[in-house]
Every structure is written in C-alpha cells, then in structure tokens.
Amino acid sequence: IEQKPNVATRAASATVLGALATQVENMVVTSADLSNSDKTDGFLKKTHAFKRGDFSGAFFQAGVSELSMACVCIGMSLHGGVIPACATFFVFSDYMKPAIRMAALMEQPVKFIWSHDAFRVGEDGPTHEPVEQEAQIRLMEKLKNHKGHNSMLVLRPADAEETTIAWKLAMENIYTPTALILSRQNIVSLPTGNDYAQVAKGAYIVAGSDENPDVTLVASGSEVATLIAGAELLRKDGVKVRIVSAPSEGLFRSQDKAYQESVLPAGAKIFGLTAGLPVNLQGLVGANGKVFGLESFGFSAPYTVLDEKLGFTAANVYNQVKEML
C-alpha cells in the first residue's frame, strides 16, 4: 500500500481501509456518525452502508451508541465468518470498556479503530481530549487471557508507514481484540531508511540513531516525530541520542530479553514523551529515566498552539533531557 508522507495516521488508516474494502470480502466496518472524522469513510467509499432491505454493503452506520456498536461487532465475531471493525473517537472508548473487556475475555478479534488520540483535537473542545484513555486501554495489554496471552493488542503508530504495519498486525491477529489509536493531526514521517518491519516487535530503534548513546528517547504516536526534532538540537550539543518508537509495550514485552535489552538497556538513561499520563511510558523508561507527559486536561485550541503551550516541542525535549543529564 502506497502511503503519502507526513499525514495524520487516521488518514493513513483510511488508505489501508480502502484497500481492505476491495480485498477482504468478509470484512464489515462500523462507525458512529463520525466516519468522515475517524476516516472509516476510506472503507465506506469502496462499498455502501447497510440499509433496510439491502444488506449487500459492508458498512454499518450506527448512531452515537458506542457501546451497542461494539457489542454488534462482538456478536458478528462470535457468529463467525466476518471480520468486524468498530470506529469512533478515542475519548469515547470509555463508553465501550465493558464490551472491550468481553471481547478480550472471549478472545474475539474485533478491530477497534480510535482516532483523535490525544489532546491535539483542536477546537473540538476540552471534553473530547483523551488523556487517561491510553493508560486504561494499555492495561488490557498487561491483562492475560485464559491462554496466558496478552488479552489485547494495542498499537499507536508513529507515522503513515507504521500505520500500514499496524493494520497488517491487526488483520493477522485472530486471537484477541486489537486497538488502533490514531492521530487527528498530520505527523512528520520517520527518517528515510526506517525498518518498519520492526513494528511487529512492539518497540524498535528508529533510523539515524547514534551508536553508544548518552540517552535514549522513547515515545509512541506523534511524539516520536517530536523526539526526532529534539534529538537534532541535542546532537548540536554533542549529545549522542538513540530514538525508540514503541507502538506496543505489550508486543515489546513479549520479545526475548536479549532483544528488549538491545533496544532499552537496563540502567540506561531513558527519556519518555507522551501526550497522555506519564504512566503510559513508565514501564519502558524505568527507575533511571524520566517521563514528560500530561497530568491535567481541558485546554481547547489549535493543536500547534497546544503543543507550544504544553511543552510538546523540540525545544522542550532538549531542555528536559539536558536537565536530566
């Protein structure tokens, strides 16, 4: 799938969904009244919605009932023969939590698509900012199902190409639900030469990282691009920097210890950046590290203004890391 560079991951997801609509005949996508915002319209444009007396399409247009929509997807999955995907804004995952837990318990491979992944929701309003939701959903990676596996696969891709691989992992995951957490705003693509196949390992070293680093920078989603920009400022001061993209801590912790150590060595100085609660990255950063995240919510402004006001900038990455070192 050919992706455009520097786009929002919700837009990259739409590109993948457009391909799936024409290639996976038994896939059904559902969305609340937000398909043009969560970009499931990428799927809808290649098919049409179910209508009374006409079930020839592959898109179910729900109202604003996220919980019932999720339950419908679980029902389709339990019936068998259908690959269901369920989309809305990430903040509304709160309403869906009982259904998510049931899907995890019953090992149903429902695909949950959540856009507007952080505080960068522009003028949509302070109530629509998912700050604690990522921490809640990532707990599902830590819970085990009856087979002893992670009860859910949670992926927050850092750019368009990571989004393609995340969708590949979601479609290949036939044992548990998958969460795809996607950005509203455009994201600068990762450096050329990045080995995107490493996304399957949950966390990996981004192209252009320095050997024998003084500090390792780790994030998921759009914050990875911010770390890359901050790393350029640190290198001008002679600081050697490693950058790690960690779309899924659950996948990463499923890798062997040697691989985990090669990416995030025990005892290393690690700085984490997250647009949610700091706890999102504390398991990866460790006791010798530092996490810069959000501990409040409720500001409403264009995302570029919020980035500047809240400290999600290259300059603040530089300042935070220099202070840490």
C-alpha atoms as a PDB file:
ATOM      1  CA  ILE A   1       0.000   0.000   0.000  1.00  0.00           C
ATOM      2  CA  GLU A   2       1.465   3.341  -1.017  1.00  0.00           C
ATOM      3  CA  GLN A   3       1.094   5.985   1.674  1.00  0.00           C
ATOM      4  CA  LYS A   4       1.501   9.730   1.360  1.00  0.00           C
ATOM      5  CA  PRO A   5       4.202  11.151   3.677  1.00  0.00           C
ATOM      6  CA  ASN A   6       3.535  13.468   6.608  1.00  0.00           C
ATOM      7  CA  VAL A   7      -0.165  12.678   7.006  1.00  0.00           C
ATOM      8  CA  ALA A   8      -2.326  12.001  10.040  1.00  0.00           C
ATOM      9  CA  THR A   9      -2.376   8.339  10.996  1.00  0.00           C
ATOM     10  CA  ARG A  10      -6.195   8.386  10.714  1.00  0.00           C
ATOM     11  CA  ALA A  11      -5.704   9.359   7.054  1.00  0.00           C
ATOM     12  CA  ALA A  12      -3.137   6.586   6.601  1.00  0.00           C
ATOM     13  CA  SER A  13      -5.659   4.192   8.135  1.00  0.00           C
ATOM     14  CA  ALA A  14      -8.236   5.338   5.568  1.00  0.00           C
ATOM     15  CA  THR A  15      -5.840   4.354   2.786  1.00  0.00           C
ATOM     16  CA  VAL A  16      -5.466   0.865   4.260  1.00  0.00           C
ATOM     17  CA  LEU A  17      -9.216   0.536   4.788  1.00  0.00           C
ATOM     18  CA  GLY A  18      -9.804   1.430   1.144  1.00  0.00           C
ATOM     19  CA  ALA A  19      -7.597  -1.488   0.128  1.00  0.00           C
ATOM     20  CA  LEU A  20      -9.232  -3.856   2.614  1.00  0.00           C
ATOM     21  CA  ALA A  21     -12.704  -2.946   1.303  1.00  0.00           C
ATOM     22  CA  THR A  22     -11.784  -4.308  -2.122  1.00  0.00           C
ATOM     23  CA  GLN A  23      -9.676  -7.271  -0.998  1.00  0.00           C
ATOM     24  CA  VAL A  24     -11.371  -8.688   2.121  1.00  0.00           C
ATOM     25  CA  GLU A  25     -14.921  -9.618   1.183  1.00  0.00           C
ATOM     26  CA  ASN A  26     -15.969 -10.689   4.671  1.00  0.00           C
ATOM     27  CA  MET A  27     -14.906  -7.501   6.464  1.00  0.00           C
ATOM     28  CA  VAL A  28     -17.582  -5.243   7.958  1.00  0.00           C
ATOM     29  CA  VAL A  29     -16.738  -1.791   9.335  1.00  0.00           C
ATOM     30  CA  THR A  30     -18.965   0.088  11.755  1.00  0.00           C
ATOM     31  CA  SER A  31     -18.777   3.691  12.879  1.00  0.00           C
ATOM     32  CA  ALA A  32     -20.866   6.141  14.806  1.00  0.00           C
ATOM     33  CA  ASP A  33     -21.852   9.342  12.988  1.00  0.00           C
ATOM     34  CA  LEU A  34     -18.142  10.104  12.587  1.00  0.00           C
ATOM     35  CA  SER A  35     -16.958   8.178   9.535  1.00  0.00           C
ATOM     36  CA  ASN A  36     -15.617  11.342   7.910  1.00  0.00           C
ATOM     37  CA  SER A  37     -13.705  12.174  11.103  1.00  0.00           C
ATOM     38  CA  ASP A  38     -12.399   8.760  12.163  1.00  0.00           C
ATOM     39  CA  LYS A  39     -11.712   8.197   8.436  1.00  0.00           C
ATOM     40  CA  THR A  40     -13.520   4.910   8.114  1.00  0.00           C
ATOM     41  CA  ASP A  41     -15.011   6.651   5.090  1.00  0.00           C
ATOM     42  CA  GLY A  42     -11.946   5.241   3.328  1.00  0.00           C
ATOM     43  CA  PHE A  43     -13.766   1.898   3.568  1.00  0.00           C
ATOM     44  CA  LEU A  44     -17.260   3.296   3.017  1.00  0.00           C
ATOM     45  CA  LYS A  45     -16.257   4.934  -0.295  1.00  0.00           C
ATOM     46  CA  LYS A  46     -15.425   1.495  -1.699  1.00  0.00           C
ATOM     47  CA  THR A  47     -18.702  -0.115  -0.580  1.00  0.00           C
ATOM     48  CA  HIS A  48     -22.012   1.163   0.828  1.00  0.00           C
ATOM     49  CA  ALA A  49     -23.920   1.099   4.087  1.00  0.00           C
ATOM     50  CA  PHE A  50     -26.455  -1.494   5.142  1.00  0.00           C
ATOM     51  CA  LYS A  51     -29.970  -0.259   4.541  1.00  0.00           C
ATOM     52  CA  ARG A  52     -33.390  -1.602   5.357  1.00  0.00           C
ATOM     53  CA  GLY A  53     -33.997  -4.433   2.929  1.00  0.00           C
ATOM     54  CA  ASP A  54     -30.478  -4.152   1.427  1.00  0.00           C
ATOM     55  CA  PHE A  55     -27.626  -5.984   3.117  1.00  0.00           C
ATOM     56  CA  SER A  56     -25.315  -6.071   0.109  1.00  0.00           C
ATOM     57  CA  GLY A  57     -22.943  -3.449   1.560  1.00  0.00           C
ATOM     58  CA  ALA A  58     -20.236  -3.867   4.173  1.00  0.00           C
ATOM     59  CA  PHE A  59     -20.593  -0.742   6.340  1.00  0.00           C
ATOM     60  CA  PHE A  60     -22.828  -0.411   9.381  1.00  0.00           C
ATOM     61  CA  GLN A  61     -23.736   3.187  10.236  1.00  0.00           C
ATOM     62  CA  ALA A  62     -24.521   3.292  13.926  1.00  0.00           C
ATOM     63  CA  GLY A  63     -25.834   6.305  15.759  1.00  0.00           C
ATOM     64  CA  VAL A  64     -23.873   7.678  18.686  1.00  0.00           C
ATOM     65  CA  SER A  65     -24.235   4.471  20.678  1.00  0.00           C
ATOM     66  CA  GLU A  66     -20.618   3.343  21.000  1.00  0.00           C
ATOM     67  CA  LEU A  67     -21.321   0.533  23.478  1.00  0.00           C
ATOM     68  CA  SER A  68     -24.059  -1.079  21.388  1.00  0.00           C
ATOM     69  CA  MET A  69     -21.925  -0.648  18.262  1.00  0.00           C
ATOM     70  CA  ALA A  70     -19.067  -2.531  19.952  1.00  0.00           C
ATOM     71  CA  CYS A  71     -21.480  -5.240  21.074  1.00  0.00           C
ATOM     72  CA  VAL A  72     -22.720  -5.643  17.491  1.00  0.00           C
ATOM     73  CA  CYS A  73     -19.111  -6.180  16.361  1.00  0.00           C
ATOM     74  CA  ILE A  74     -18.541  -8.778  19.073  1.00  0.00           C
ATOM     75  CA  GLY A  75     -21.743 -10.533  18.021  1.00  0.00           C
ATOM     76  CA  MET A  76     -20.576 -10.676  14.415  1.00  0.00           C
ATOM     77  CA  SER A  77     -17.222 -12.051  15.546  1.00  0.00           C
ATOM     78  CA  LEU A  78     -18.875 -14.721  17.705  1.00  0.00           C
ATOM     79  CA  HIS A  79     -21.108 -15.719  14.803  1.00  0.00           C
ATOM     80  CA  GLY A  80     -18.013 -16.341  12.710  1.00  0.00           C
ATOM     81  CA  GLY A  81     -17.174 -15.742   9.081  1.00  0.00           C
ATOM     82  CA  VAL A  82     -16.977 -11.970   9.495  1.00  0.00           C
ATOM     83  CA  ILE A  83     -14.057  -9.657  10.347  1.00  0.00           C
ATOM     84  CA  PRO A  84     -15.623  -6.728  12.231  1.00  0.00           C
ATOM     85  CA  ALA A  85     -14.029  -3.324  12.842  1.00  0.00           C
ATOM     86  CA  CYS A  86     -15.508  -0.657  15.091  1.00  0.00           C
ATOM     87  CA  ALA A  87     -14.545   3.046  14.953  1.00  0.00           C
ATOM     88  CA  THR A  88     -15.077   6.270  16.896  1.00  0.00           C
ATOM     89  CA  PHE A  89     -13.128   8.969  18.765  1.00  0.00           C
ATOM     90  CA  PHE A  90     -10.656   7.599  21.324  1.00  0.00           C
ATOM     91  CA  VAL A  91     -12.239   9.532  24.196  1.00  0.00           C
ATOM     92  CA  PHE A  92     -15.430   7.504  23.669  1.00  0.00           C
ATOM     93  CA  SER A  93     -13.596   4.265  24.400  1.00  0.00           C
ATOM     94  CA  ASP A  94     -14.800   4.916  27.954  1.00  0.00           C
ATOM     95  CA  TYR A  95     -18.334   4.022  26.879  1.00  0.00           C
ATOM     96  CA  MET A  96     -17.077   0.857  25.182  1.00  0.00           C
ATOM     97  CA  LYS A  97     -14.991  -0.522  28.035  1.00  0.00           C
ATOM     98  CA  PRO A  98     -17.422  -3.281  29.123  1.00  0.00           C
ATOM     99  CA  ALA A  99     -17.601  -4.575  25.540  1.00  0.00           C
ATOM    100  CA  ILE A 100     -13.811  -4.334  25.138  1.00  0.00           C
ATOM    101  CA  ARG A 101     -13.333  -6.436  28.261  1.00  0.00           C
ATOM    102  CA  MET A 102     -15.825  -9.008  26.993  1.00  0.00           C
ATOM    103  CA  ALA A 103     -14.065  -9.201  23.622  1.00  0.00           C
ATOM    104  CA  ALA A 104     -10.773  -9.733  25.449  1.00  0.00           C
ATOM    105  CA  LEU A 105     -12.253 -12.361  27.761  1.00  0.00           C
ATOM    106  CA  MET A 106     -13.854 -14.261  24.883  1.00  0.00           C
ATOM    107  CA  GLU A 107     -10.740 -13.876  22.683  1.00  0.00           C
ATOM    108  CA  GLN A 108     -12.671 -12.223  19.855  1.00  0.00           C
ATOM    109  CA  PRO A 109     -10.511 -10.478  17.190  1.00  0.00           C
ATOM    110  CA  VAL A 110     -12.571  -7.297  16.866  1.00  0.00           C
ATOM    111  CA  LYS A 111     -10.605  -4.347  15.446  1.00  0.00           C
ATOM    112  CA  PHE A 112     -11.179  -1.160  17.465  1.00  0.00           C
ATOM    113  CA  ILE A 113     -10.269   1.978  15.486  1.00  0.00           C
ATOM    114  CA  TRP A 114      -9.889   5.083  17.666  1.00  0.00           C
ATOM    115  CA  SER A 115      -8.954   8.434  16.154  1.00  0.00           C
ATOM    116  CA  HIS A 116      -8.270  11.806  17.796  1.00  0.00           C
ATOM    117  CA  ASP A 117      -5.739  10.068  20.034  1.00  0.00           C
ATOM    118  CA  ALA A 118      -4.601  12.856  22.374  1.00  0.00           C
ATOM    119  CA  PHE A 119      -5.085  16.479  23.411  1.00  0.00           C
ATOM    120  CA  ARG A 120      -4.493  17.601  19.820  1.00  0.00           C
ATOM    121  CA  VAL A 121      -8.189  17.612  18.908  1.00  0.00           C
ATOM    122  CA  GLY A 122      -8.135  21.292  18.023  1.00  0.00           C
ATOM    123  CA  GLU A 123     -11.299  23.163  18.758  1.00  0.00           C
ATOM    124  CA  ASP A 124     -13.382  20.010  19.261  1.00  0.00           C
ATOM    125  CA  GLY A 125     -13.407  21.012  22.894  1.00  0.00           C
ATOM    126  CA  PRO A 126     -11.883  20.117  26.259  1.00  0.00           C
ATOM    127  CA  THR A 127     -14.316  17.252  26.860  1.00  0.00           C
ATOM    128  CA  HIS A 128     -13.027  15.386  23.792  1.00  0.00           C
ATOM    129  CA  GLU A 129      -9.387  15.180  24.914  1.00  0.00           C
ATOM    130  CA  PRO A 130      -8.318  11.588  25.675  1.00  0.00           C
ATOM    131  CA  VAL A 131      -5.646  11.954  28.346  1.00  0.00           C
ATOM    132  CA  GLU A 132      -6.199   8.958  30.630  1.00  0.00           C
ATOM    133  CA  GLN A 133      -7.746   6.679  27.987  1.00  0.00           C
ATOM    134  CA  GLU A 134      -4.452   5.384  26.603  1.00  0.00           C
ATOM    135  CA  ALA A 135      -3.372   4.272  30.063  1.00  0.00           C
ATOM    136  CA  GLN A 136      -6.683   2.450  30.520  1.00  0.00           C
ATOM    137  CA  ILE A 137      -6.509   0.639  27.182  1.00  0.00           C
ATOM    138  CA  ARG A 138      -2.832  -0.268  27.605  1.00  0.00           C
ATOM    139  CA  LEU A 139      -3.748  -2.029  30.834  1.00  0.00           C
ATOM    140  CA  MET A 140      -5.524  -4.556  28.611  1.00  0.00           C
ATOM    141  CA  GLU A 141      -2.110  -5.479  27.169  1.00  0.00           C
ATOM    142  CA  LYS A 142      -0.979  -6.341  30.685  1.00  0.00           C
ATOM    143  CA  LEU A 143      -4.019  -8.478  31.480  1.00  0.00           C
ATOM    144  CA  LYS A 144      -3.696 -12.095  30.342  1.00  0.00           C
ATOM    145  CA  ASN A 145      -6.486 -14.179  28.842  1.00  0.00           C
ATOM    146  CA  HIS A 146      -7.161 -17.810  29.757  1.00  0.00           C
ATOM    147  CA  LYS A 147      -4.444 -18.964  27.368  1.00  0.00           C
ATOM    148  CA  GLY A 148      -1.878 -16.800  29.135  1.00  0.00           C
ATOM    149  CA  HIS A 149      -1.508 -14.351  26.244  1.00  0.00           C
ATOM    150  CA  ASN A 150      -1.918 -10.576  26.320  1.00  0.00           C
ATOM    151  CA  SER A 151      -5.689 -10.053  26.316  1.00  0.00           C
ATOM    152  CA  MET A 152      -5.449  -7.256  23.738  1.00  0.00           C
ATOM    153  CA  LEU A 153      -3.037  -5.894  21.132  1.00  0.00           C
ATOM    154  CA  VAL A 154      -2.707  -2.108  21.430  1.00  0.00           C
ATOM    155  CA  LEU A 155      -0.943  -0.150  18.677  1.00  0.00           C
ATOM    156  CA  ARG A 156      -0.326   3.605  18.452  1.00  0.00           C
ATOM    157  CA  PRO A 157       1.641   4.126  15.213  1.00  0.00           C
ATOM    158  CA  ALA A 158       4.110   6.975  14.745  1.00  0.00           C
ATOM    159  CA  ASP A 159       3.510   7.735  11.058  1.00  0.00           C
ATOM    160  CA  ALA A 160       1.748   6.540   7.914  1.00  0.00           C
ATOM    161  CA  GLU A 161       4.069   3.587   7.254  1.00  0.00           C
ATOM    162  CA  GLU A 162       3.807   2.367  10.855  1.00  0.00           C
ATOM    163  CA  THR A 163       0.036   2.588  10.427  1.00  0.00           C
ATOM    164  CA  THR A 164       0.179   0.205   7.457  1.00  0.00           C
ATOM    165  CA  ILE A 165       2.164  -2.328   9.505  1.00  0.00           C
ATOM    166  CA  ALA A 166      -0.164  -1.833  12.474  1.00  0.00           C
ATOM    167  CA  TRP A 167      -3.126  -2.735  10.266  1.00  0.00           C
ATOM    168  CA  LYS A 168      -1.242  -5.795   8.995  1.00  0.00           C
ATOM    169  CA  LEU A 169      -0.691  -6.926  12.585  1.00  0.00           C
ATOM    170  CA  ALA A 170      -4.355  -6.245  13.387  1.00  0.00           C
ATOM    171  CA  MET A 171      -5.588  -8.342  10.476  1.00  0.00           C
ATOM    172  CA  GLU A 172      -3.195 -11.173  11.325  1.00  0.00           C
ATOM    173  CA  ASN A 173      -4.287 -11.135  14.973  1.00  0.00           C
ATOM    174  CA  ILE A 174      -7.100 -13.700  15.066  1.00  0.00           C
ATOM    175  CA  TYR A 175      -6.882 -14.458  18.789  1.00  0.00           C
ATOM    176  CA  THR A 176      -7.550 -11.182  20.621  1.00  0.00           C
ATOM    177  CA  PRO A 177      -9.077  -7.759  20.010  1.00  0.00           C
ATOM    178  CA  THR A 178      -6.788  -5.082  18.543  1.00  0.00           C
ATOM    179  CA  ALA A 179      -6.771  -1.353  19.272  1.00  0.00           C
ATOM    180  CA  LEU A 180      -5.513   1.089  16.632  1.00  0.00           C
ATOM    181  CA  ILE A 181      -5.000   4.521  18.209  1.00  0.00           C
ATOM    182  CA  LEU A 182      -4.719   7.185  15.507  1.00  0.00           C
ATOM    183  CA  SER A 183      -3.912  10.887  15.286  1.00  0.00           C
ATOM    184  CA  ARG A 184      -6.188  13.679  14.136  1.00  0.00           C
ATOM    185  CA  GLN A 185      -3.317  15.922  13.056  1.00  0.00           C
ATOM    186  CA  ASN A 186      -0.627  15.410  10.417  1.00  0.00           C
ATOM    187  CA  ILE A 187       2.631  13.817  11.585  1.00  0.00           C
ATOM    188  CA  VAL A 188       6.107  14.215  10.090  1.00  0.00           C
ATOM    189  CA  SER A 189       7.204  10.847   8.711  1.00  0.00           C
ATOM    190  CA  LEU A 190      10.064   8.962  10.355  1.00  0.00           C
ATOM    191  CA  PRO A 191      13.526   9.134   8.733  1.00  0.00           C
ATOM    192  CA  THR A 192      14.195   7.502   5.386  1.00  0.00           C
ATOM    193  CA  GLY A 193      15.575   4.004   5.754  1.00  0.00           C
ATOM    194  CA  ASN A 194      13.467   3.131   8.763  1.00  0.00           C
ATOM    195  CA  ASP A 195      12.888  -0.620   9.139  1.00  0.00           C
ATOM    196  CA  TYR A 196       9.129  -0.668   9.584  1.00  0.00           C
ATOM    197  CA  ALA A 197       9.034  -4.451   9.855  1.00  0.00           C
ATOM    198  CA  GLN A 198      10.345  -3.907  13.391  1.00  0.00           C
ATOM    199  CA  VAL A 199       6.921  -2.526  14.406  1.00  0.00           C
ATOM    200  CA  ALA A 200       5.946  -6.179  14.905  1.00  0.00           C
ATOM    201  CA  LYS A 201       8.363  -6.291  17.852  1.00  0.00           C
ATOM    202  CA  GLY A 202       6.450  -3.573  19.697  1.00  0.00           C
ATOM    203  CA  ALA A 203       9.407  -1.194  20.069  1.00  0.00           C
ATOM    204  CA  TYR A 204      12.450  -0.642  17.903  1.00  0.00           C
ATOM    205  CA  ILE A 205      15.336   1.738  17.232  1.00  0.00           C
ATOM    206  CA  VAL A 206      14.460   4.392  14.678  1.00  0.00           C
ATOM    207  CA  ALA A 207      16.791   5.012  11.714  1.00  0.00           C
ATOM    208  CA  GLY A 208      19.522   7.563  12.310  1.00  0.00           C
ATOM    209  CA  SER A 209      20.077   6.766  15.984  1.00  0.00           C
ATOM    210  CA  ASP A 210      23.608   7.171  17.362  1.00  0.00           C
ATOM    211  CA  GLU A 211      25.841   4.301  18.487  1.00  0.00           C
ATOM    212  CA  ASN A 212      26.618   4.081  22.230  1.00  0.00           C
ATOM    213  CA  PRO A 213      24.074   6.783  23.106  1.00  0.00           C
ATOM    214  CA  ASP A 214      24.247   9.070  26.133  1.00  0.00           C
ATOM    215  CA  VAL A 215      20.464   8.979  26.341  1.00  0.00           C
ATOM    216  CA  THR A 216      17.600   7.028  24.757  1.00  0.00           C
ATOM    217  CA  LEU A 217      14.389   8.829  23.804  1.00  0.00           C
ATOM    218  CA  VAL A 218      11.200   6.750  23.651  1.00  0.00           C
ATOM    219  CA  ALA A 219       7.618   7.523  22.608  1.00  0.00           C
ATOM    220  CA  SER A 220       4.705   6.280  20.542  1.00  0.00           C
ATOM    221  CA  GLY A 221       2.479   8.038  18.039  1.00  0.00           C
ATOM    222  CA  SER A 222       3.128  11.624  17.017  1.00  0.00           C
ATOM    223  CA  GLU A 223       5.507  12.205  19.914  1.00  0.00           C
ATOM    224  CA  VAL A 224       8.172  10.169  18.096  1.00  0.00           C
ATOM    225  CA  ALA A 225       8.485  12.935  15.487  1.00  0.00           C
ATOM    226  CA  THR A 226       8.866  15.477  18.298  1.00  0.00           C
ATOM    227  CA  LEU A 227      11.701  13.398  19.779  1.00  0.00           C
ATOM    228  CA  ILE A 228      13.438  13.276  16.398  1.00  0.00           C
ATOM    229  CA  ALA A 229      13.306  17.067  16.186  1.00  0.00           C
ATOM    230  CA  GLY A 230      14.571  17.387  19.756  1.00  0.00           C
ATOM    231  CA  ALA A 231      17.396  14.939  19.064  1.00  0.00           C
ATOM    232  CA  GLU A 232      18.753  17.249  16.362  1.00  0.00           C
ATOM    233  CA  LEU A 233      19.126  20.017  18.956  1.00  0.00           C
ATOM    234  CA  LEU A 234      20.805  17.660  21.427  1.00  0.00           C
ATOM    235  CA  ARG A 235      23.288  16.422  18.811  1.00  0.00           C
ATOM    236  CA  LYS A 236      24.364  20.016  18.176  1.00  0.00           C
ATOM    237  CA  ASP A 237      25.499  19.984  21.828  1.00  0.00           C
ATOM    238  CA  GLY A 238      27.419  16.760  21.268  1.00  0.00           C
ATOM    239  CA  VAL A 239      24.854  14.504  22.971  1.00  0.00           C
ATOM    240  CA  LYS A 240      24.595  11.028  21.428  1.00  0.00           C
ATOM    241  CA  VAL A 241      20.940  10.050  21.098  1.00  0.00           C
ATOM    242  CA  ARG A 242      19.007   6.866  20.425  1.00  0.00           C
ATOM    243  CA  ILE A 243      15.345   7.189  19.412  1.00  0.00           C
ATOM    244  CA  VAL A 244      12.890   4.368  20.030  1.00  0.00           C
ATOM    245  CA  SER A 245       9.379   4.113  18.648  1.00  0.00           C
ATOM    246  CA  ALA A 246       7.213   1.956  20.930  1.00  0.00           C
ATOM    247  CA  PRO A 247       3.753   1.463  19.397  1.00  0.00           C
ATOM    248  CA  SER A 248       3.023  -1.538  21.661  1.00  0.00           C
ATOM    249  CA  GLU A 249       4.608  -2.203  25.044  1.00  0.00           C
ATOM    250  CA  GLY A 250       2.696  -5.478  25.175  1.00  0.00           C
ATOM    251  CA  LEU A 251       4.342  -6.755  21.991  1.00  0.00           C
ATOM    252  CA  PHE A 252       7.722  -5.480  23.153  1.00  0.00           C
ATOM    253  CA  ARG A 253       7.490  -7.320  26.476  1.00  0.00           C
ATOM    254  CA  SER A 254       6.638 -10.474  24.540  1.00  0.00           C
ATOM    255  CA  GLN A 255      10.067 -10.393  22.846  1.00  0.00           C
ATOM    256  CA  ASP A 256      13.044 -12.232  24.288  1.00  0.00           C
ATOM    257  CA  LYS A 257      15.115 -10.481  26.943  1.00  0.00           C
ATOM    258  CA  ALA A 258      18.090 -10.077  24.618  1.00  0.00           C
ATOM    259  CA  TYR A 259      16.041  -8.042  22.149  1.00  0.00           C
ATOM    260  CA  GLN A 260      14.488  -5.927  24.888  1.00  0.00           C
ATOM    261  CA  GLU A 261      17.940  -5.203  26.302  1.00  0.00           C
ATOM    262  CA  SER A 262      19.274  -4.256  22.855  1.00  0.00           C
ATOM    263  CA  VAL A 263      16.582  -1.584  22.487  1.00  0.00           C
ATOM    264  CA  LEU A 264      16.169  -0.290  26.054  1.00  0.00           C
ATOM    265  CA  PRO A 265      19.171  -1.440  28.115  1.00  0.00           C
ATOM    266  CA  ALA A 266      18.657  -1.872  31.848  1.00  0.00           C
ATOM    267  CA  GLY A 267      20.205   1.032  33.722  1.00  0.00           C
ATOM    268  CA  ALA A 268      20.332   3.302  30.664  1.00  0.00           C
ATOM    269  CA  LYS A 269      19.275   6.925  30.831  1.00  0.00           C
ATOM    270  CA  ILE A 270      15.871   6.983  29.120  1.00  0.00           C
ATOM    271  CA  PHE A 271      13.573   9.936  28.462  1.00  0.00           C
ATOM    272  CA  GLY A 272       9.946   9.324  27.545  1.00  0.00           C
ATOM    273  CA  LEU A 273       7.483  11.729  25.917  1.00  0.00           C
ATOM    274  CA  THR A 274       3.755  11.004  25.975  1.00  0.00           C
ATOM    275  CA  ALA A 275       0.672  13.062  25.150  1.00  0.00           C
ATOM    276  CA  GLY A 276      -1.171  11.166  27.885  1.00  0.00           C
ATOM    277  CA  LEU A 277      -0.489  10.375  31.518  1.00  0.00           C
ATOM    278  CA  PRO A 278       3.220   9.761  32.317  1.00  0.00           C
ATOM    279  CA  VAL A 279       2.336   6.223  33.428  1.00  0.00           C
ATOM    280  CA  ASN A 280       1.965   5.334  29.726  1.00  0.00           C
ATOM    281  CA  LEU A 281       5.749   5.098  29.446  1.00  0.00           C
ATOM    282  CA  GLN A 282       6.988   4.467  32.969  1.00  0.00           C
ATOM    283  CA  GLY A 283       7.201   0.727  32.334  1.00  0.00           C
ATOM    284  CA  LEU A 284       9.588   1.376  29.452  1.00  0.00           C
ATOM    285  CA  VAL A 285      11.571   4.241  30.950  1.00  0.00           C
ATOM    286  CA  GLY A 286      12.423   2.584  34.266  1.00  0.00           C
ATOM    287  CA  ALA A 287      13.812   3.900  37.541  1.00  0.00           C
ATOM    288  CA  ASN A 288      16.731   5.804  35.985  1.00  0.00           C
ATOM    289  CA  GLY A 289      14.544   7.571  33.461  1.00  0.00           C
ATOM    290  CA  LYS A 290      12.175  10.490  33.200  1.00  0.00           C
ATOM    291  CA  VAL A 291       8.781  10.910  31.527  1.00  0.00           C
ATOM    292  CA  PHE A 292       7.281  14.164  30.315  1.00  0.00           C
ATOM    293  CA  GLY A 293       3.536  13.848  29.905  1.00  0.00           C
ATOM    294  CA  LEU A 294       0.217  15.389  30.850  1.00  0.00           C
ATOM    295  CA  GLU A 295      -1.222  15.431  34.335  1.00  0.00           C
ATOM    296  CA  SER A 296      -4.217  17.624  33.505  1.00  0.00           C
ATOM    297  CA  PHE A 297      -6.659  18.198  30.655  1.00  0.00           C
ATOM    298  CA  GLY A 298      -9.174  20.687  29.370  1.00  0.00           C
ATOM    299  CA  PHE A 299      -7.414  23.272  27.177  1.00  0.00           C
ATOM    300  CA  SER A 300      -9.038  23.943  23.819  1.00  0.00           C
ATOM    301  CA  ALA A 301      -7.033  25.488  20.972  1.00  0.00           C
ATOM    302  CA  PRO A 302      -5.441  24.588  17.635  1.00  0.00           C
ATOM    303  CA  TYR A 303      -3.013  21.713  18.172  1.00  0.00           C
ATOM    304  CA  THR A 304       0.030  23.776  17.193  1.00  0.00           C
ATOM    305  CA  VAL A 305      -0.816  26.250  19.971  1.00  0.00           C
ATOM    306  CA  LEU A 306      -1.365  23.440  22.466  1.00  0.00           C
ATOM    307  CA  ASP A 307       1.950  21.800  21.537  1.00  0.00           C
ATOM    308  CA  GLU A 308       3.746  25.061  22.269  1.00  0.00           C
ATOM    309  CA  LYS A 309       1.855  25.865  25.471  1.00  0.00           C
ATOM    310  CA  LEU A 310       2.042  22.329  26.890  1.00  0.00           C
ATOM    311  CA  GLY A 311       5.686  21.678  26.037  1.00  0.00           C
ATOM    312  CA  PHE A 312       5.417  19.172  23.193  1.00  0.00           C
ATOM    313  CA  THR A 313       8.190  20.806  21.198  1.00  0.00           C
ATOM    314  CA  ALA A 314      11.747  20.036  20.156  1.00  0.00           C
ATOM    315  CA  ALA A 315      12.984  22.840  22.415  1.00  0.00           C
ATOM    316  CA  ASN A 316      11.329  21.352  25.489  1.00  0.00           C
ATOM    317  CA  VAL A 317      12.673  17.877  24.666  1.00  0.00           C
ATOM    318  CA  TYR A 318      16.125  19.470  24.560  1.00  0.00           C
ATOM    319  CA  ASN A 319      15.594  21.262  27.890  1.00  0.00           C
ATOM    320  CA  GLN A 320      14.113  18.224  29.646  1.00  0.00           C
ATOM    321  CA  VAL A 321      16.925  15.916  28.518  1.00  0.00           C
ATOM    322  CA  LYS A 322      19.704  18.402  29.301  1.00  0.00           C
ATOM    323  CA  GLU A 323      18.261  18.818  32.800  1.00  0.00           C
ATOM    324  CA  MET A 324      18.094  15.054  33.173  1.00  0.00           C
ATOM    325  CA  LEU A 325      21.709  14.586  32.064  1.00  0.00           C
END
